Amino acid sequence: MSKKEKKRLYRIIAAAAMYVILAVCEHMGVWENVPRLLTLAMYLVPYLIVGWSVLRKAAVNISHGRVFDENFLMMVATFGAFAIGRYDEAVAVMLFYQVGELFQDHAVGKSREAIAAMMDIVPEYANVEQNGEVTHMDPDEVEVGSTIVIMPGERVPLDGKVISGESWLDTAALTGESVPRRASEGDDIYSGSVNGSGTLRVVTSKAYEDSTVARILTLVEEATDKKAKTEQFITKFAR
């Protein structure tokens, strides 16, 4: 949980504790002889603790010409509850909304961490063997059928078939399996895995854009785009 999420959680807990105390006192009849303005002031304390960020976002969006969004709706709904004297419902609505926002932010944070982890499997270069010499090249510049050399500890840059050498490959980034897979002459290997102890010479079978690691990144990007469209739909629905 990030520092921002922790702060929001603490505000939710503080506001929820105050709300429960106020609601219990109200249902027990403690506020019968208390002026309504004082009751309103007491409910405003937890409301502002948990809802100030929503009110601020709504005000900023309105100043930028973006009036109708979920923040504006929450402000109108809770202000309406205060106006008709339902102070407890105003606080409860804002409280539950912030709980939902906390879960959403946490889920988005996890997704970002997963995407960042996926970036680690992208190979930075390929050792291409040409006329007996090995040169560094960008993986997307390597042609199909080229011979590449994968040293111990290096990440496999492209899909291909082993033509010489023997080693163990760490494929945890691709399959999630912690057990290394043996690779020797004639075996197919996939980009994104990490070479273990031996040097491998491999003939590439696919271009970088068609390789395993490129397809995985494409799926991640498509999933991110769909998430963004969903969020846009929520804003449109709020309008």
C-alpha atoms as a PDB file:
ATOM      1  CA  MET A   1       0.000   0.000   0.000  1.00  0.00           C
ATOM      2  CA  SER A   2       1.421   3.394  -1.034  1.00  0.00           C
ATOM      3  CA  LYS A   3       1.865   6.388   1.249  1.00  0.00           C
ATOM      4  CA  LYS A   4      -1.082   8.118  -0.402  1.00  0.00           C
ATOM      5  CA  GLU A   5      -3.305   5.080   0.097  1.00  0.00           C
ATOM      6  CA  LYS A   6      -2.281   4.843   3.758  1.00  0.00           C
ATOM      7  CA  LYS A   7      -3.247   8.470   4.332  1.00  0.00           C
ATOM      8  CA  ARG A   8      -6.628   7.872   2.742  1.00  0.00           C
ATOM      9  CA  LEU A   9      -7.111   4.745   4.854  1.00  0.00           C
ATOM     10  CA  TYR A  10      -6.318   6.655   8.051  1.00  0.00           C
ATOM     11  CA  ARG A  11      -8.811   9.361   7.110  1.00  0.00           C
ATOM     12  CA  ILE A  12     -11.466   6.747   6.394  1.00  0.00           C
ATOM     13  CA  ILE A  13     -10.864   5.025   9.730  1.00  0.00           C
ATOM     14  CA  ALA A  14     -10.976   8.315  11.655  1.00  0.00           C
ATOM     15  CA  ALA A  15     -14.128   9.477   9.876  1.00  0.00           C
ATOM     16  CA  ALA A  16     -15.799   6.074  10.270  1.00  0.00           C
ATOM     17  CA  ALA A  17     -15.105   6.011  14.023  1.00  0.00           C
ATOM     18  CA  MET A  18     -16.571   9.498  14.467  1.00  0.00           C
ATOM     19  CA  TYR A  19     -19.548   8.633  12.267  1.00  0.00           C
ATOM     20  CA  VAL A  20     -20.362   5.512  14.268  1.00  0.00           C
ATOM     21  CA  ILE A  21     -20.217   7.446  17.552  1.00  0.00           C
ATOM     22  CA  LEU A  22     -22.442  10.233  16.212  1.00  0.00           C
ATOM     23  CA  ALA A  23     -24.932   7.817  14.631  1.00  0.00           C
ATOM     24  CA  VAL A  24     -25.239   5.746  17.819  1.00  0.00           C
ATOM     25  CA  CYS A  25     -25.755   8.870  19.915  1.00  0.00           C
ATOM     26  CA  GLU A  26     -28.414  10.117  17.500  1.00  0.00           C
ATOM     27  CA  HIS A  27     -30.355   6.854  17.533  1.00  0.00           C
ATOM     28  CA  MET A  28     -30.185   6.786  21.336  1.00  0.00           C
ATOM     29  CA  GLY A  29     -31.797  10.219  21.458  1.00  0.00           C
ATOM     30  CA  VAL A  30     -28.768  12.071  22.780  1.00  0.00           C
ATOM     31  CA  TRP A  31     -29.213  14.888  20.227  1.00  0.00           C
ATOM     32  CA  GLU A  32     -32.885  15.583  21.004  1.00  0.00           C
ATOM     33  CA  ASN A  33     -32.168  18.771  22.934  1.00  0.00           C
ATOM     34  CA  VAL A  34     -29.116  19.774  20.912  1.00  0.00           C
ATOM     35  CA  PRO A  35     -29.532  22.624  18.376  1.00  0.00           C
ATOM     36  CA  ARG A  36     -29.564  21.446  14.757  1.00  0.00           C
ATOM     37  CA  LEU A  37     -26.680  23.734  13.846  1.00  0.00           C
ATOM     38  CA  LEU A  38     -24.515  22.073  16.482  1.00  0.00           C
ATOM     39  CA  THR A  39     -25.513  18.630  15.225  1.00  0.00           C
ATOM     40  CA  LEU A  40     -24.678  19.730  11.672  1.00  0.00           C
ATOM     41  CA  ALA A  41     -21.296  21.032  12.809  1.00  0.00           C
ATOM     42  CA  MET A  42     -20.468  17.722  14.511  1.00  0.00           C
ATOM     43  CA  TYR A  43     -21.341  15.733  11.376  1.00  0.00           C
ATOM     44  CA  LEU A  44     -19.357  18.126   9.212  1.00  0.00           C
ATOM     45  CA  VAL A  45     -16.143  17.128  10.991  1.00  0.00           C
ATOM     46  CA  PRO A  46     -16.035  13.481   9.759  1.00  0.00           C
ATOM     47  CA  TYR A  47     -17.557  14.579   6.442  1.00  0.00           C
ATOM     48  CA  LEU A  48     -14.722  17.009   5.741  1.00  0.00           C
ATOM     49  CA  ILE A  49     -12.091  14.552   6.995  1.00  0.00           C
ATOM     50  CA  VAL A  50     -13.133  11.912   4.465  1.00  0.00           C
ATOM     51  CA  GLY A  51     -14.619  14.103   1.734  1.00  0.00           C
ATOM     52  CA  TRP A  52     -12.404  17.160   1.487  1.00  0.00           C
ATOM     53  CA  SER A  53     -10.375  15.700  -1.382  1.00  0.00           C
ATOM     54  CA  VAL A  54     -13.563  15.001  -3.349  1.00  0.00           C
ATOM     55  CA  LEU A  55     -14.838  18.539  -2.830  1.00  0.00           C
ATOM     56  CA  ARG A  56     -11.476  19.971  -3.856  1.00  0.00           C
ATOM     57  CA  LYS A  57     -11.359  17.862  -7.034  1.00  0.00           C
ATOM     58  CA  ALA A  58     -14.915  18.884  -7.912  1.00  0.00           C
ATOM     59  CA  ALA A  59     -14.046  22.575  -7.444  1.00  0.00           C
ATOM     60  CA  VAL A  60     -10.876  22.282  -9.541  1.00  0.00           C
ATOM     61  CA  ASN A  61     -12.726  20.447 -12.337  1.00  0.00           C
ATOM     62  CA  ILE A  62     -15.508  23.044 -12.327  1.00  0.00           C
ATOM     63  CA  SER A  63     -12.926  25.835 -12.625  1.00  0.00           C
ATOM     64  CA  HIS A  64     -11.508  24.024 -15.668  1.00  0.00           C
ATOM     65  CA  GLY A  65     -14.921  23.642 -17.276  1.00  0.00           C
ATOM     66  CA  ARG A  66     -15.335  19.927 -16.442  1.00  0.00           C
ATOM     67  CA  VAL A  67     -18.481  20.077 -14.341  1.00  0.00           C
ATOM     68  CA  PHE A  68     -20.225  16.745 -14.626  1.00  0.00           C
ATOM     69  CA  ASP A  69     -18.083  13.982 -13.193  1.00  0.00           C
ATOM     70  CA  GLU A  70     -18.294  11.581 -10.246  1.00  0.00           C
ATOM     71  CA  ASN A  71     -16.763  14.121  -7.843  1.00  0.00           C
ATOM     72  CA  PHE A  72     -19.439  16.674  -8.717  1.00  0.00           C
ATOM     73  CA  LEU A  73     -22.160  14.044  -8.296  1.00  0.00           C
ATOM     74  CA  MET A  74     -20.871  13.109  -4.847  1.00  0.00           C
ATOM     75  CA  MET A  75     -20.785  16.766  -3.825  1.00  0.00           C
ATOM     76  CA  VAL A  76     -24.356  17.386  -5.005  1.00  0.00           C
ATOM     77  CA  ALA A  77     -25.666  14.170  -3.404  1.00  0.00           C
ATOM     78  CA  THR A  78     -24.107  14.865  -0.017  1.00  0.00           C
ATOM     79  CA  PHE A  79     -25.007  18.565  -0.026  1.00  0.00           C
ATOM     80  CA  GLY A  80     -28.585  17.520  -0.798  1.00  0.00           C
ATOM     81  CA  ALA A  81     -28.553  15.099   2.141  1.00  0.00           C
ATOM     82  CA  PHE A  82     -27.340  17.873   4.436  1.00  0.00           C
ATOM     83  CA  ALA A  83     -30.024  20.221   3.071  1.00  0.00           C
ATOM     84  CA  ILE A  84     -32.872  17.837   3.996  1.00  0.00           C
ATOM     85  CA  GLY A  85     -31.409  17.127   7.410  1.00  0.00           C
ATOM     86  CA  ARG A  86     -30.020  13.644   6.718  1.00  0.00           C
ATOM     87  CA  TYR A  87     -26.586  14.398   8.115  1.00  0.00           C
ATOM     88  CA  ASP A  88     -25.730  10.768   8.848  1.00  0.00           C
ATOM     89  CA  GLU A  89     -26.559   9.712   5.286  1.00  0.00           C
ATOM     90  CA  ALA A  90     -24.394  12.483   3.836  1.00  0.00           C
ATOM     91  CA  VAL A  91     -21.380  11.266   5.804  1.00  0.00           C
ATOM     92  CA  ALA A  92     -22.143   7.602   5.046  1.00  0.00           C
ATOM     93  CA  VAL A  93     -22.386   8.206   1.284  1.00  0.00           C
ATOM     94  CA  MET A  94     -19.048  10.021   1.184  1.00  0.00           C
ATOM     95  CA  LEU A  95     -17.482   7.399   3.441  1.00  0.00           C
ATOM     96  CA  PHE A  96     -18.546   4.476   1.248  1.00  0.00           C
ATOM     97  CA  TYR A  97     -17.452   6.334  -1.870  1.00  0.00           C
ATOM     98  CA  GLN A  98     -13.977   6.854  -0.458  1.00  0.00           C
ATOM     99  CA  VAL A  99     -13.760   3.186   0.538  1.00  0.00           C
ATOM    100  CA  GLY A 100     -14.517   2.279  -3.071  1.00  0.00           C
ATOM    101  CA  GLU A 101     -11.908   4.743  -4.315  1.00  0.00           C
ATOM    102  CA  LEU A 102      -9.341   3.220  -1.957  1.00  0.00           C
ATOM    103  CA  PHE A 103      -9.931  -0.271  -3.353  1.00  0.00           C
ATOM    104  CA  GLN A 104      -9.759   1.078  -6.910  1.00  0.00           C
ATOM    105  CA  ASP A 105      -6.487   2.936  -6.309  1.00  0.00           C
ATOM    106  CA  HIS A 106      -4.991  -0.147  -4.693  1.00  0.00           C
ATOM    107  CA  ALA A 107      -5.997  -2.298  -7.670  1.00  0.00           C
ATOM    108  CA  VAL A 108      -4.579   0.247 -10.134  1.00  0.00           C
ATOM    109  CA  GLY A 109      -1.345   0.379  -8.141  1.00  0.00           C
ATOM    110  CA  LYS A 110      -1.024  -3.388  -8.323  1.00  0.00           C
ATOM    111  CA  SER A 111      -1.595  -3.253 -12.074  1.00  0.00           C
ATOM    112  CA  ARG A 112       1.129  -0.634 -12.462  1.00  0.00           C
ATOM    113  CA  GLU A 113       3.537  -2.747 -10.457  1.00  0.00           C
ATOM    114  CA  ALA A 114       2.743  -5.716 -12.689  1.00  0.00           C
ATOM    115  CA  ILE A 115       3.345  -3.623 -15.808  1.00  0.00           C
ATOM    116  CA  ALA A 116       6.634  -2.334 -14.390  1.00  0.00           C
ATOM    117  CA  ALA A 117       7.678  -5.919 -13.678  1.00  0.00           C
ATOM    118  CA  MET A 118       6.811  -6.843 -17.262  1.00  0.00           C
ATOM    119  CA  MET A 119       9.221  -4.166 -18.499  1.00  0.00           C
ATOM    120  CA  ASP A 120      12.074  -6.097 -16.883  1.00  0.00           C
ATOM    121  CA  ILE A 121      11.674  -8.973 -19.337  1.00  0.00           C
ATOM    122  CA  VAL A 122      12.339  -6.770 -22.374  1.00  0.00           C
ATOM    123  CA  PRO A 123      15.804  -7.595 -23.797  1.00  0.00           C
ATOM    124  CA  GLU A 124      18.049  -4.590 -24.338  1.00  0.00           C
ATOM    125  CA  TYR A 125      20.272  -6.084 -27.043  1.00  0.00           C
ATOM    126  CA  ALA A 126      21.082  -9.198 -29.051  1.00  0.00           C
ATOM    127  CA  ASN A 127      24.551 -10.648 -29.713  1.00  0.00           C
ATOM    128  CA  VAL A 128      24.428 -11.263 -33.453  1.00  0.00           C
ATOM    129  CA  GLU A 129      27.125 -13.474 -35.005  1.00  0.00           C
ATOM    130  CA  GLN A 130      28.234 -12.230 -38.415  1.00  0.00           C
ATOM    131  CA  ASN A 131      31.324 -13.493 -40.263  1.00  0.00           C
ATOM    132  CA  GLY A 132      32.754 -14.956 -37.096  1.00  0.00           C
ATOM    133  CA  GLU A 133      32.317 -11.747 -35.118  1.00  0.00           C
ATOM    134  CA  VAL A 134      29.699 -10.949 -32.481  1.00  0.00           C
ATOM    135  CA  THR A 135      28.111  -7.503 -32.492  1.00  0.00           C
ATOM    136  CA  HIS A 136      25.457  -5.887 -30.297  1.00  0.00           C
ATOM    137  CA  MET A 137      22.234  -5.078 -32.147  1.00  0.00           C
ATOM    138  CA  ASP A 138      18.784  -3.892 -31.185  1.00  0.00           C
ATOM    139  CA  PRO A 139      16.477  -6.950 -31.071  1.00  0.00           C
ATOM    140  CA  ASP A 140      13.967  -5.397 -33.495  1.00  0.00           C
ATOM    141  CA  GLU A 141      16.746  -4.999 -36.088  1.00  0.00           C
ATOM    142  CA  VAL A 142      17.694  -8.692 -36.101  1.00  0.00           C
ATOM    143  CA  GLU A 143      16.382 -10.574 -39.128  1.00  0.00           C
ATOM    144  CA  VAL A 144      14.770 -14.000 -39.024  1.00  0.00           C
ATOM    145  CA  GLY A 145      17.356 -16.721 -39.570  1.00  0.00           C
ATOM    146  CA  SER A 146      20.200 -14.788 -37.940  1.00  0.00           C
ATOM    147  CA  THR A 147      22.535 -16.515 -35.513  1.00  0.00           C
ATOM    148  CA  ILE A 148      22.656 -14.988 -32.049  1.00  0.00           C
ATOM    149  CA  VAL A 149      24.890 -15.847 -29.098  1.00  0.00           C
ATOM    150  CA  ILE A 150      23.403 -15.849 -25.614  1.00  0.00           C
ATOM    151  CA  MET A 151      25.942 -15.636 -22.800  1.00  0.00           C
ATOM    152  CA  PRO A 152      25.348 -16.930 -19.259  1.00  0.00           C
ATOM    153  CA  GLY A 153      23.163 -14.516 -17.286  1.00  0.00           C
ATOM    154  CA  GLU A 154      21.789 -12.779 -20.383  1.00  0.00           C
ATOM    155  CA  ARG A 155      18.135 -12.584 -21.308  1.00  0.00           C
ATOM    156  CA  VAL A 156      17.030 -14.372 -24.471  1.00  0.00           C
ATOM    157  CA  PRO A 157      16.263 -11.552 -26.942  1.00  0.00           C
ATOM    158  CA  LEU A 158      14.375 -13.480 -29.650  1.00  0.00           C
ATOM    159  CA  ASP A 159      12.568 -16.762 -30.177  1.00  0.00           C
ATOM    160  CA  GLY A 160      14.664 -19.390 -31.928  1.00  0.00           C
ATOM    161  CA  LYS A 161      16.196 -22.859 -32.047  1.00  0.00           C
ATOM    162  CA  VAL A 162      19.425 -23.846 -30.306  1.00  0.00           C
ATOM    163  CA  ILE A 163      22.089 -24.974 -32.781  1.00  0.00           C
ATOM    164  CA  SER A 164      24.915 -25.455 -30.281  1.00  0.00           C
ATOM    165  CA  GLY A 165      25.515 -25.289 -26.554  1.00  0.00           C
ATOM    166  CA  GLU A 166      23.654 -26.499 -23.509  1.00  0.00           C
ATOM    167  CA  SER A 167      22.270 -24.592 -20.547  1.00  0.00           C
ATOM    168  CA  TRP A 168      19.369 -24.121 -18.145  1.00  0.00           C
ATOM    169  CA  LEU A 169      16.802 -21.388 -18.785  1.00  0.00           C
ATOM    170  CA  ASP A 170      14.929 -19.459 -16.119  1.00  0.00           C
ATOM    171  CA  THR A 171      11.417 -19.058 -17.583  1.00  0.00           C
ATOM    172  CA  ALA A 172       9.762 -17.733 -14.417  1.00  0.00           C
ATOM    173  CA  ALA A 173       9.018 -14.366 -16.068  1.00  0.00           C
ATOM    174  CA  LEU A 174       7.041 -16.133 -18.817  1.00  0.00           C
ATOM    175  CA  THR A 175       5.434 -19.133 -17.133  1.00  0.00           C
ATOM    176  CA  GLY A 176       5.691 -18.389 -13.415  1.00  0.00           C
ATOM    177  CA  GLU A 177       7.495 -21.683 -12.868  1.00  0.00           C
ATOM    178  CA  SER A 178      10.541 -21.468 -10.626  1.00  0.00           C
ATOM    179  CA  VAL A 179      12.138 -24.690 -11.927  1.00  0.00           C
ATOM    180  CA  PRO A 180      14.716 -23.981 -14.703  1.00  0.00           C
ATOM    181  CA  ARG A 181      14.189 -25.651 -18.078  1.00  0.00           C
ATOM    182  CA  ARG A 182      17.037 -27.472 -19.822  1.00  0.00           C
ATOM    183  CA  ALA A 183      17.935 -26.251 -23.303  1.00  0.00           C
ATOM    184  CA  SER A 184      20.263 -28.026 -25.705  1.00  0.00           C
ATOM    185  CA  GLU A 185      20.815 -28.430 -29.439  1.00  0.00           C
ATOM    186  CA  GLY A 186      17.541 -28.686 -31.340  1.00  0.00           C
ATOM    187  CA  ASP A 187      15.367 -27.170 -28.566  1.00  0.00           C
ATOM    188  CA  ASP A 188      13.162 -24.132 -29.104  1.00  0.00           C
ATOM    189  CA  ILE A 189      13.694 -21.265 -26.680  1.00  0.00           C
ATOM    190  CA  TYR A 190      11.613 -18.143 -26.136  1.00  0.00           C
ATOM    191  CA  SER A 191      12.475 -14.500 -25.624  1.00  0.00           C
ATOM    192  CA  GLY A 192      12.183 -13.157 -22.103  1.00  0.00           C
ATOM    193  CA  SER A 193      13.729 -16.186 -20.404  1.00  0.00           C
ATOM    194  CA  VAL A 194      17.165 -15.908 -18.766  1.00  0.00           C
ATOM    195  CA  ASN A 195      20.131 -18.074 -19.757  1.00  0.00           C
ATOM    196  CA  GLY A 196      21.749 -19.969 -16.921  1.00  0.00           C
ATOM    197  CA  SER A 197      25.319 -21.276 -16.957  1.00  0.00           C
ATOM    198  CA  GLY A 198      26.151 -22.206 -20.551  1.00  0.00           C
ATOM    199  CA  THR A 199      26.632 -20.265 -23.766  1.00  0.00           C
ATOM    200  CA  LEU A 200      23.995 -20.894 -26.456  1.00  0.00           C
ATOM    201  CA  ARG A 201      24.068 -20.277 -30.187  1.00  0.00           C
ATOM    202  CA  VAL A 202      20.575 -19.820 -31.534  1.00  0.00           C
ATOM    203  CA  VAL A 203      19.036 -19.333 -34.966  1.00  0.00           C
ATOM    204  CA  THR A 204      16.170 -16.864 -34.705  1.00  0.00           C
ATOM    205  CA  SER A 205      12.785 -18.113 -35.894  1.00  0.00           C
ATOM    206  CA  LYS A 206      10.703 -14.964 -35.447  1.00  0.00           C
ATOM    207  CA  ALA A 207      11.135 -11.229 -35.782  1.00  0.00           C
ATOM    208  CA  TYR A 208      11.042  -9.217 -32.570  1.00  0.00           C
ATOM    209  CA  GLU A 209       7.489  -7.935 -33.142  1.00  0.00           C
ATOM    210  CA  ASP A 210       6.286 -11.558 -33.376  1.00  0.00           C
ATOM    211  CA  SER A 211       8.344 -12.852 -30.457  1.00  0.00           C
ATOM    212  CA  THR A 212       6.937 -14.119 -27.170  1.00  0.00           C
ATOM    213  CA  VAL A 213       8.010 -11.097 -25.143  1.00  0.00           C
ATOM    214  CA  ALA A 214       6.548  -8.654 -27.699  1.00  0.00           C
ATOM    215  CA  ARG A 215       3.203 -10.492 -27.670  1.00  0.00           C
ATOM    216  CA  ILE A 216       3.092 -10.390 -23.863  1.00  0.00           C
ATOM    217  CA  LEU A 217       3.748  -6.641 -23.833  1.00  0.00           C
ATOM    218  CA  THR A 218       1.059  -6.124 -26.472  1.00  0.00           C
ATOM    219  CA  LEU A 219      -1.466  -7.965 -24.296  1.00  0.00           C
ATOM    220  CA  VAL A 220      -0.512  -5.807 -21.315  1.00  0.00           C
ATOM    221  CA  GLU A 221      -0.902  -2.604 -23.346  1.00  0.00           C
ATOM    222  CA  GLU A 222      -4.298  -3.723 -24.664  1.00  0.00           C
ATOM    223  CA  ALA A 223      -5.444  -4.508 -21.128  1.00  0.00           C
ATOM    224  CA  THR A 224      -4.328  -1.019 -20.031  1.00  0.00           C
ATOM    225  CA  ASP A 225      -6.228   0.576 -22.925  1.00  0.00           C
ATOM    226  CA  LYS A 226      -9.391  -1.297 -21.995  1.00  0.00           C
ATOM    227  CA  LYS A 227      -9.054  -0.103 -18.411  1.00  0.00           C
ATOM    228  CA  ALA A 228      -8.768   3.474 -19.619  1.00  0.00           C
ATOM    229  CA  LYS A 229     -11.893   3.100 -21.796  1.00  0.00           C
ATOM    230  CA  THR A 230     -13.805   1.722 -18.820  1.00  0.00           C
ATOM    231  CA  GLU A 231     -12.836   4.715 -16.721  1.00  0.00           C
ATOM    232  CA  GLN A 232     -13.900   7.039 -19.545  1.00  0.00           C
ATOM    233  CA  PHE A 233     -17.272   5.272 -19.703  1.00  0.00           C
ATOM    234  CA  ILE A 234     -17.791   5.813 -15.964  1.00  0.00           C
ATOM    235  CA  THR A 235     -17.237   9.533 -16.393  1.00  0.00           C
ATOM    236  CA  LYS A 236     -19.632   9.636 -19.364  1.00  0.00           C
ATOM    237  CA  PHE A 237     -22.208   7.665 -17.389  1.00  0.00           C
ATOM    238  CA  ALA A 238     -21.855  10.124 -14.501  1.00  0.00           C
ATOM    239  CA  ARG A 239     -22.754  12.941 -16.877  1.00  0.00           C
END
